[in-house]
Amino acid sequence: MDDRIPVSRAVDFGTAKLMPDVDRPRGWLLTVDGAPQSYVDLDDPLHLEFEYTRRLGHVLDTAGPTGAQAPEPLEVLHLGGGALTLPRYVAATRPGSRQRVIEADRGLLGLVTEVLPVPSTVLAEVSAADARAALQKSPDASADVIIADVFGGSRVPAHLTSVECARHAARVLRPTGRYAANLADGAPFDFLRSQLATLGAVFDQLCLIAEPGMLRGRRFGNAILVASHGALPVAALARRAAADPFPARVADGAALERFVAGAEPVWDAAAVPSPPPPDGAFSLS
């Protein structure tokens, strides 16, 4: 018998709810102000319920000098913590990895660590801080991967969308490191195109992982932008994304250049948050 009950609590930036999944004995959904934010299965850290989280998992799986051929430990900086889904995943797939998690909402962190305790095998330093401020204080060449999954409500904060912020990310990454950002937009993709131009002004290599229907402008949705100074494993990412329950494709090279054409990099002085999603785009009834 499942005796779990939903937990609702006011946190720093809204109302958080943790709801048990009736289909998975130890699965939990985290929402903030009604918007799905994270999903965790305490028995199975390899289970990534949300498609965008699965795509970030693909980036992590193919990271490191030898990628998936030898799953060596990684140094990972997570900007945005949520229910700590990806730190748990990294600990399971890359044992011995050292991770830092930055989450601005101290109340949310307290709720998650209380109700969804993190195993001792997860070697993660979790801090309540602003993501940009923490990034700026991070040592040079200290991370193999930076995951940026920061939303204020349902929008990416403006101060995380600029060239100046991207330069800090590039400084913190090692030469073969990768920066992966979860972004949300819809046609005509002014925000997404500007973010590609912004990271393209700092990094040598870019690719974009998204569902074809989203990129055709049929709906508002998430896209994962991956940037690096070194070569990106585009073929490996494409194979993994195509095999997902909701297949995605990977755009790079000339196709990405055509998509970005005409967009300009964003600097701090002109930075704005990502657009608000249409009503019901990410909310639960």
Protein backbone atom coordinates (compact mmCIF):
# COMPACT_ATOMS: atom_id res chain seq x y z
CA MET A 1 0.00 0.00 0.00
CA ASP A 2 1.32 3.43 -0.96
CA ASP A 3 1.14 5.65 2.11
CA ARG A 4 2.93 8.62 0.57
CA ILE A 5 1.05 11.92 0.62
CA PRO A 6 1.61 15.11 -1.38
CA VAL A 7 3.67 17.82 0.31
CA SER A 8 3.01 21.51 -0.32
CA ARG A 9 5.15 24.31 1.06
CA ALA A 10 5.76 27.99 0.49
CA VAL A 11 9.36 28.43 -0.63
CA ASP A 12 11.38 31.51 -1.47
CA PHE A 13 10.04 31.95 -5.01
CA GLY A 14 6.54 30.47 -4.92
CA THR A 15 4.68 27.40 -3.76
CA ALA A 16 6.40 24.06 -4.21
CA LYS A 17 4.56 20.75 -4.28
CA LEU A 18 5.97 17.24 -4.16
CA MET A 19 3.49 14.70 -5.49
CA PRO A 20 3.97 10.91 -5.42
CA ASP A 21 3.75 9.11 -8.75
CA VAL A 22 1.14 6.37 -8.50
CA ASP A 23 2.92 4.39 -11.26
CA ARG A 24 6.34 4.29 -9.59
CA PRO A 25 6.58 3.32 -5.90
CA ARG A 26 9.25 5.91 -5.10
CA GLY A 27 8.71 8.40 -7.90
CA TRP A 28 8.03 12.05 -7.08
CA LEU A 29 7.07 15.06 -9.19
CA LEU A 30 8.14 18.53 -8.07
CA THR A 31 6.14 21.53 -9.23
CA VAL A 32 6.62 25.21 -8.44
CA ASP A 33 3.55 27.40 -8.80
CA GLY A 34 1.91 24.62 -10.81
CA ALA A 35 4.71 24.23 -13.36
CA PRO A 36 6.45 20.82 -13.49
CA GLN A 37 10.02 21.41 -12.36
CA SER A 38 11.67 18.07 -11.62
CA TYR A 39 10.99 14.36 -11.35
CA VAL A 40 12.93 11.92 -9.17
CA ASP A 41 12.66 8.17 -8.69
CA LEU A 42 14.48 7.47 -5.43
CA ASP A 43 14.90 3.80 -6.39
CA ASP A 44 16.13 4.47 -9.92
CA PRO A 45 18.34 7.55 -10.43
CA LEU A 46 18.80 6.52 -14.08
CA HIS A 47 15.11 7.20 -14.77
CA LEU A 48 14.83 10.64 -16.38
CA GLU A 49 11.14 11.34 -16.78
CA PHE A 50 11.23 14.71 -18.54
CA GLU A 51 12.48 14.80 -22.11
CA TYR A 52 14.65 17.87 -21.61
CA THR A 53 16.29 16.18 -18.61
CA ARG A 54 16.91 13.08 -20.72
CA ARG A 55 18.67 15.26 -23.31
CA LEU A 56 20.85 16.84 -20.66
CA GLY A 57 21.63 13.28 -19.59
CA HIS A 58 22.84 12.58 -23.13
CA VAL A 59 25.23 15.52 -22.88
CA LEU A 60 26.57 14.18 -19.59
CA ASP A 61 26.85 10.62 -20.96
CA THR A 62 29.04 11.77 -23.85
CA ALA A 63 31.19 14.22 -21.85
CA GLY A 64 34.84 13.79 -20.97
CA PRO A 65 37.94 13.14 -23.06
CA THR A 66 36.83 9.65 -24.05
CA GLY A 67 33.07 10.14 -23.78
CA ALA A 68 30.93 7.07 -23.26
CA GLN A 69 33.76 4.65 -24.06
CA ALA A 70 35.12 4.99 -20.52
CA PRO A 71 32.73 6.59 -18.03
CA GLU A 72 35.35 8.35 -15.96
CA PRO A 73 34.30 10.66 -13.10
CA LEU A 74 33.42 14.21 -13.99
CA GLU A 75 33.55 17.58 -12.28
CA VAL A 76 30.08 19.05 -12.85
CA LEU A 77 28.68 22.45 -11.96
CA HIS A 78 24.88 22.52 -11.87
CA LEU A 79 23.31 25.97 -12.11
CA GLY A 80 19.81 25.23 -10.82
CA GLY A 81 19.15 22.36 -8.48
CA GLY A 82 15.45 21.52 -8.42
CA ALA A 83 14.96 18.04 -6.98
CA LEU A 84 18.65 17.20 -7.66
CA THR A 85 17.68 14.81 -10.44
CA LEU A 86 20.82 15.21 -12.53
CA PRO A 87 23.30 15.14 -9.63
CA ARG A 88 21.79 11.78 -8.66
CA TYR A 89 22.08 10.63 -12.28
CA VAL A 90 25.73 11.65 -12.56
CA ALA A 91 26.57 9.85 -9.31
CA ALA A 92 24.98 6.66 -10.68
CA THR A 93 26.50 6.82 -14.16
CA ARG A 94 29.89 8.32 -13.26
CA PRO A 95 30.80 7.03 -9.77
CA GLY A 96 33.28 9.24 -7.99
CA SER A 97 32.20 12.40 -9.82
CA ARG A 98 32.44 15.60 -7.81
CA GLN A 99 29.60 18.03 -8.24
CA ARG A 100 28.55 21.50 -7.15
CA VAL A 101 24.88 22.45 -7.19
CA ILE A 102 23.75 26.07 -7.06
CA GLU A 103 20.08 26.75 -6.30
CA ALA A 104 18.81 30.23 -5.48
CA ASP A 105 15.72 29.02 -3.60
CA ARG A 106 16.89 28.05 -0.11
CA GLY A 107 13.39 26.95 0.90
CA LEU A 108 13.15 24.64 -2.08
CA LEU A 109 16.49 23.06 -1.24
CA GLY A 110 15.28 22.45 2.30
CA LEU A 111 12.10 20.78 1.09
CA VAL A 112 13.90 18.54 -1.39
CA THR A 113 16.62 17.38 0.98
CA GLU A 114 14.02 16.69 3.68
CA VAL A 115 11.51 14.70 1.61
CA LEU A 116 13.81 13.32 -1.11
CA PRO A 117 17.08 12.64 0.73
CA VAL A 118 20.22 12.41 -1.35
CA PRO A 119 22.29 9.20 -0.98
CA SER A 120 25.79 9.48 0.45
CA THR A 121 27.12 8.22 -2.89
CA VAL A 122 26.21 11.59 -4.43
CA LEU A 123 29.38 13.62 -3.87
CA ALA A 124 27.76 17.01 -4.25
CA GLU A 125 28.24 20.35 -2.53
CA VAL A 126 24.83 22.04 -2.55
CA SER A 127 24.64 25.81 -2.03
CA ALA A 128 21.83 28.35 -1.89
CA ALA A 129 23.11 31.19 -4.08
CA ASP A 130 22.49 33.14 -7.26
CA ALA A 131 23.70 31.14 -10.27
CA ARG A 132 25.52 34.01 -11.98
CA ALA A 133 27.25 35.09 -8.77
CA ALA A 134 28.36 31.52 -8.07
CA LEU A 135 29.61 31.12 -11.63
CA GLN A 136 31.65 34.30 -11.39
CA LYS A 137 33.30 33.04 -8.18
CA SER A 138 34.12 29.60 -9.60
CA PRO A 139 37.79 28.80 -10.25
CA ASP A 140 39.22 28.72 -13.76
CA ALA A 141 39.19 25.35 -15.57
CA SER A 142 37.38 23.66 -12.68
CA ALA A 143 34.49 21.91 -14.48
CA ASP A 144 34.10 19.29 -17.20
CA VAL A 145 30.42 20.15 -17.65
CA ILE A 146 28.24 23.10 -16.67
CA ILE A 147 24.51 22.43 -16.70
CA ALA A 148 22.41 25.60 -16.76
CA ASP A 149 18.79 24.83 -15.89
CA VAL A 150 17.68 28.00 -14.14
CA PHE A 151 14.17 29.35 -14.30
CA GLY A 152 12.57 32.13 -12.29
CA GLY A 153 8.99 30.97 -12.49
CA SER A 154 8.88 29.74 -16.08
CA ARG A 155 11.49 32.14 -17.46
CA VAL A 156 15.28 32.10 -17.71
CA PRO A 157 16.56 35.15 -15.75
CA ALA A 158 18.05 37.91 -17.88
CA HIS A 159 21.44 37.98 -16.15
CA LEU A 160 22.10 34.39 -17.30
CA THR A 161 21.56 35.17 -20.99
CA SER A 162 24.46 37.50 -21.82
CA VAL A 163 27.88 37.33 -23.43
CA GLU A 164 29.42 38.33 -20.10
CA CYS A 165 27.79 35.33 -18.40
CA ALA A 166 28.90 33.01 -21.23
CA ARG A 167 32.47 34.24 -20.85
CA HIS A 168 32.45 33.22 -17.20
CA ALA A 169 31.17 29.78 -18.19
CA ALA A 170 33.96 29.43 -20.77
CA ARG A 171 36.54 30.43 -18.16
CA VAL A 172 35.27 27.86 -15.64
CA LEU A 173 35.23 25.00 -18.17
CA ARG A 174 38.25 22.87 -18.94
CA PRO A 175 39.50 22.83 -22.56
CA THR A 176 37.33 19.82 -23.46
CA GLY A 177 34.43 20.97 -21.27
CA ARG A 178 30.84 21.50 -22.31
CA TYR A 179 28.18 24.01 -21.40
CA ALA A 180 24.58 22.81 -21.74
CA ALA A 181 21.62 25.15 -21.20
CA ASN A 182 17.94 24.28 -20.99
CA LEU A 183 16.02 27.04 -22.77
CA ALA A 184 12.35 27.51 -23.57
CA ASP A 185 10.95 29.40 -26.56
CA GLY A 186 8.51 29.29 -29.44
CA ALA A 187 8.23 30.73 -32.94
CA PRO A 188 9.66 33.08 -34.16
CA PHE A 189 12.42 32.01 -31.72
CA ASP A 190 13.85 35.46 -31.08
CA PHE A 191 15.16 34.39 -27.67
CA LEU A 192 16.56 31.02 -28.74
CA ARG A 193 18.28 32.53 -31.80
CA SER A 194 19.77 35.32 -29.68
CA GLN A 195 21.12 32.74 -27.21
CA LEU A 196 22.75 30.79 -30.00
CA ALA A 197 24.34 34.01 -31.25
CA THR A 198 25.45 34.87 -27.71
CA LEU A 199 27.15 31.54 -27.04
CA GLY A 200 28.51 31.52 -30.59
CA ALA A 201 30.34 34.77 -29.78
CA VAL A 202 32.20 32.98 -26.97
CA PHE A 203 32.46 29.29 -27.89
CA ASP A 204 33.88 27.67 -31.02
CA GLN A 205 31.33 24.85 -31.36
CA LEU A 206 27.55 24.78 -30.88
CA CYS A 207 24.69 22.35 -31.36
CA LEU A 208 21.00 22.38 -30.51
CA ILE A 209 18.87 19.43 -29.37
CA ALA A 210 15.11 19.79 -29.80
CA GLU A 211 12.01 18.06 -31.11
CA PRO A 212 11.46 18.70 -34.84
CA GLY A 213 7.92 19.98 -34.23
CA MET A 214 9.16 22.55 -31.77
CA LEU A 215 11.82 23.81 -34.20
CA ARG A 216 9.17 24.06 -36.94
CA GLY A 217 7.27 26.46 -34.72
CA ARG A 218 4.36 24.16 -33.98
CA ARG A 219 4.58 24.62 -30.22
CA PHE A 220 6.40 26.32 -27.38
CA GLY A 221 8.95 23.99 -25.83
CA ASN A 222 12.38 23.23 -24.46
CA ALA A 223 15.62 23.08 -26.39
CA ILE A 224 19.07 22.14 -25.14
CA LEU A 225 21.90 24.36 -26.36
CA VAL A 226 25.35 22.76 -26.09
CA ALA A 227 28.56 24.77 -26.45
CA SER A 228 32.26 23.94 -26.28
CA HIS A 229 35.66 25.07 -27.47
CA GLY A 230 36.39 21.49 -28.51
CA ALA A 231 34.61 19.20 -30.93
CA LEU A 232 31.11 18.13 -29.90
CA PRO A 233 29.96 14.50 -30.21
CA VAL A 234 27.14 15.44 -32.57
CA ALA A 235 26.68 11.95 -34.05
CA ALA A 236 26.51 10.30 -30.62
CA LEU A 237 24.07 12.93 -29.34
CA ALA A 238 21.93 12.52 -32.46
CA ARG A 239 21.72 8.74 -32.03
CA ARG A 240 20.68 9.06 -28.41
CA ALA A 241 18.16 11.83 -29.05
CA ALA A 242 16.58 9.94 -31.94
CA ALA A 243 16.06 6.88 -29.72
CA ASP A 244 14.12 8.78 -27.05
CA PRO A 245 10.38 8.12 -26.53
CA PHE A 246 9.80 11.58 -28.01
CA PRO A 247 12.60 11.72 -30.60
CA ALA A 248 14.63 14.88 -30.99
CA ARG A 249 17.14 15.94 -33.59
CA VAL A 250 20.50 17.66 -33.29
CA ALA A 251 21.17 20.75 -35.39
CA ASP A 252 24.69 22.01 -35.98
CA GLY A 253 26.91 23.47 -38.68
CA ALA A 254 25.23 25.06 -41.70
CA ALA A 255 21.71 24.18 -40.53
CA LEU A 256 22.29 25.98 -37.25
CA GLU A 257 23.87 28.95 -39.02
CA ARG A 258 20.74 29.33 -41.15
CA PHE A 259 18.54 29.17 -38.06
CA VAL A 260 20.59 31.85 -36.27
CA ALA A 261 21.11 34.13 -39.30
CA GLY A 262 20.48 37.77 -38.41
CA ALA A 263 20.41 37.27 -34.62
CA GLU A 264 22.80 39.36 -32.53
CA PRO A 265 24.64 38.46 -29.30
CA VAL A 266 23.09 39.79 -26.10
CA TRP A 267 25.11 41.86 -23.62
CA ASP A 268 24.26 42.55 -19.99
CA ALA A 269 22.97 46.05 -20.73
CA ALA A 270 20.26 44.73 -23.08
CA ALA A 271 19.59 41.28 -21.61
CA VAL A 272 15.98 40.24 -21.01
CA PRO A 273 14.41 37.07 -19.55
CA SER A 274 13.19 34.30 -21.82
CA PRO A 275 9.60 34.80 -23.03
CA PRO A 276 6.72 33.71 -20.80
CA PRO A 277 5.20 30.43 -21.96
CA PRO A 278 1.67 30.44 -23.33
CA ASP A 279 -1.02 29.59 -20.80
CA GLY A 280 -0.94 25.89 -20.03
CA ALA A 281 2.35 25.22 -21.84
CA PHE A 282 4.06 23.74 -18.77
CA SER A 283 1.39 23.83 -16.08
CA LEU A 284 -0.53 20.99 -14.47
CA SER A 285 -4.26 21.19 -13.96
